[in-house]
Amino acid sequence: MPLSKTYAEILASQGFKSEAIEVYEKLLLKNPNDKEIIEALNRLKKRKRFNGVNILKLKEFDEINQKNRYEFEKWLKELKWT
């Protein structure tokens, strides 16, 4: 595995967060004062994680969809097909 900032950036951009962190941490051991590496690590480690679905919002969304579905079906029935 190549150890470079570019490689770590590519990994991060492709969604391989833990692999990018691993590369950055190895680079940081060799260059402990490198501000770019420190900032990149901080940025990757601070990204939000998925905490699950908001059940209340999901129910609200479903209710909206139910209403829209009903309105759409009503509209379809009212159409006059020629």
C-alpha atoms as a PDB file:
ATOM      1  CA  MET A   1       0.000   0.000   0.000  1.00  0.00           C
ATOM      2  CA  PRO A   2       1.508   3.332  -1.029  1.00  0.00           C
ATOM      3  CA  LEU A   3       1.838   5.871   1.724  1.00  0.00           C
ATOM      4  CA  SER A   4       1.092   9.286   0.334  1.00  0.00           C
ATOM      5  CA  LYS A   5      -1.335  12.121   0.947  1.00  0.00           C
ATOM      6  CA  THR A   6      -2.650  11.714  -2.580  1.00  0.00           C
ATOM      7  CA  TYR A   7      -3.449   8.059  -2.005  1.00  0.00           C
ATOM      8  CA  ALA A   8      -5.190   8.888   1.287  1.00  0.00           C
ATOM      9  CA  GLU A   9      -7.204  11.633  -0.443  1.00  0.00           C
ATOM     10  CA  ILE A  10      -8.279   9.214  -3.168  1.00  0.00           C
ATOM     11  CA  LEU A  11      -9.345   6.658  -0.582  1.00  0.00           C
ATOM     12  CA  ALA A  12     -11.351   9.269   1.318  1.00  0.00           C
ATOM     13  CA  SER A  13     -13.010  10.595  -1.838  1.00  0.00           C
ATOM     14  CA  GLN A  14     -14.100   7.077  -2.793  1.00  0.00           C
ATOM     15  CA  GLY A  15     -15.656   6.445   0.616  1.00  0.00           C
ATOM     16  CA  PHE A  16     -12.868   4.336   2.118  1.00  0.00           C
ATOM     17  CA  LYS A  17     -12.744   6.440   5.267  1.00  0.00           C
ATOM     18  CA  SER A  18     -11.091   3.966   7.639  1.00  0.00           C
ATOM     19  CA  GLU A  19      -8.418   3.090   5.070  1.00  0.00           C
ATOM     20  CA  ALA A  20      -7.709   6.782   4.475  1.00  0.00           C
ATOM     21  CA  ILE A  21      -7.410   7.365   8.214  1.00  0.00           C
ATOM     22  CA  GLU A  22      -4.981   4.452   8.456  1.00  0.00           C
ATOM     23  CA  VAL A  23      -2.771   5.908   5.707  1.00  0.00           C
ATOM     24  CA  TYR A  24      -2.872   9.384   7.252  1.00  0.00           C
ATOM     25  CA  GLU A  25      -1.981   7.988  10.684  1.00  0.00           C
ATOM     26  CA  LYS A  26       1.037   6.147   9.240  1.00  0.00           C
ATOM     27  CA  LEU A  27       2.099   9.326   7.450  1.00  0.00           C
ATOM     28  CA  LEU A  28       1.679  11.287  10.673  1.00  0.00           C
ATOM     29  CA  LEU A  29       4.123   8.959  12.439  1.00  0.00           C
ATOM     30  CA  LYS A  30       6.777   9.987   9.913  1.00  0.00           C
ATOM     31  CA  ASN A  31       5.731  13.655   9.822  1.00  0.00           C
ATOM     32  CA  PRO A  32       4.175  14.527  13.202  1.00  0.00           C
ATOM     33  CA  ASN A  33       4.036  18.274  12.485  1.00  0.00           C
ATOM     34  CA  ASP A  34       2.426  18.095   9.047  1.00  0.00           C
ATOM     35  CA  LYS A  35      -0.599  20.370   9.318  1.00  0.00           C
ATOM     36  CA  GLU A  36      -2.233  18.995   6.157  1.00  0.00           C
ATOM     37  CA  ILE A  37      -2.223  15.468   7.560  1.00  0.00           C
ATOM     38  CA  ILE A  38      -3.527  16.636  10.944  1.00  0.00           C
ATOM     39  CA  GLU A  39      -6.336  18.624   9.296  1.00  0.00           C
ATOM     40  CA  ALA A  40      -7.263  15.732   7.024  1.00  0.00           C
ATOM     41  CA  LEU A  41      -7.398  13.348   9.977  1.00  0.00           C
ATOM     42  CA  ASN A  42      -9.537  15.754  11.984  1.00  0.00           C
ATOM     43  CA  ARG A  43     -11.881  16.238   9.034  1.00  0.00           C
ATOM     44  CA  LEU A  44     -12.277  12.488   8.475  1.00  0.00           C
ATOM     45  CA  LYS A  45     -12.774  11.710  12.143  1.00  0.00           C
ATOM     46  CA  LYS A  46     -15.382  14.457  12.616  1.00  0.00           C
ATOM     47  CA  ARG A  47     -17.675  13.373   9.813  1.00  0.00           C
ATOM     48  CA  LYS A  48     -21.176  12.583  10.958  1.00  0.00           C
ATOM     49  CA  ARG A  49     -22.204   8.996  11.245  1.00  0.00           C
ATOM     50  CA  PHE A  50     -25.573   7.542  10.383  1.00  0.00           C
ATOM     51  CA  ASN A  51     -27.617   7.404  13.592  1.00  0.00           C
ATOM     52  CA  GLY A  52     -30.651   5.615  12.245  1.00  0.00           C
ATOM     53  CA  VAL A  53     -33.979   6.662  10.881  1.00  0.00           C
ATOM     54  CA  ASN A  54     -36.123   9.317  12.508  1.00  0.00           C
ATOM     55  CA  ILE A  55     -39.309   7.277  12.980  1.00  0.00           C
ATOM     56  CA  LEU A  56     -41.508  10.350  13.466  1.00  0.00           C
ATOM     57  CA  LYS A  57     -40.321  11.882  10.192  1.00  0.00           C
ATOM     58  CA  LEU A  58     -40.752   8.544   8.433  1.00  0.00           C
ATOM     59  CA  LYS A  59     -44.370   8.318   9.617  1.00  0.00           C
ATOM     60  CA  GLU A  60     -44.979  11.924   8.582  1.00  0.00           C
ATOM     61  CA  PHE A  61     -43.529  11.177   5.153  1.00  0.00           C
ATOM     62  CA  ASP A  62     -45.701   8.079   4.820  1.00  0.00           C
ATOM     63  CA  GLU A  63     -48.828  10.075   5.714  1.00  0.00           C
ATOM     64  CA  ILE A  64     -47.980  12.645   3.072  1.00  0.00           C
ATOM     65  CA  ASN A  65     -47.451   9.889   0.533  1.00  0.00           C
ATOM     66  CA  GLN A  66     -50.758   8.256   1.475  1.00  0.00           C
ATOM     67  CA  LYS A  67     -52.570  11.545   0.896  1.00  0.00           C
ATOM     68  CA  ASN A  68     -50.765  12.147  -2.393  1.00  0.00           C
ATOM     69  CA  ARG A  69     -51.507   8.608  -3.527  1.00  0.00           C
ATOM     70  CA  TYR A  70     -55.200   9.094  -2.747  1.00  0.00           C
ATOM     71  CA  GLU A  71     -55.262  12.422  -4.619  1.00  0.00           C
ATOM     72  CA  PHE A  72     -53.473  10.881  -7.577  1.00  0.00           C
ATOM     73  CA  GLU A  73     -55.875   7.929  -7.746  1.00  0.00           C
ATOM     74  CA  LYS A  74     -58.811  10.338  -7.543  1.00  0.00           C
ATOM     75  CA  TRP A  75     -57.359  12.406 -10.374  1.00  0.00           C
ATOM     76  CA  LEU A  76     -56.829   9.284 -12.506  1.00  0.00           C
ATOM     77  CA  LYS A  77     -60.434   8.203 -12.034  1.00  0.00           C
ATOM     78  CA  GLU A  78     -61.647  11.635 -13.104  1.00  0.00           C
ATOM     79  CA  LEU A  79     -59.680  11.582 -16.344  1.00  0.00           C
ATOM     80  CA  LYS A  80     -61.662  10.973 -19.455  1.00  0.00           C
ATOM     81  CA  TRP A  81     -59.815   8.600 -21.692  1.00  0.00           C
ATOM     82  CA  THR A  82     -60.451   9.211 -25.372  1.00  0.00           C
END
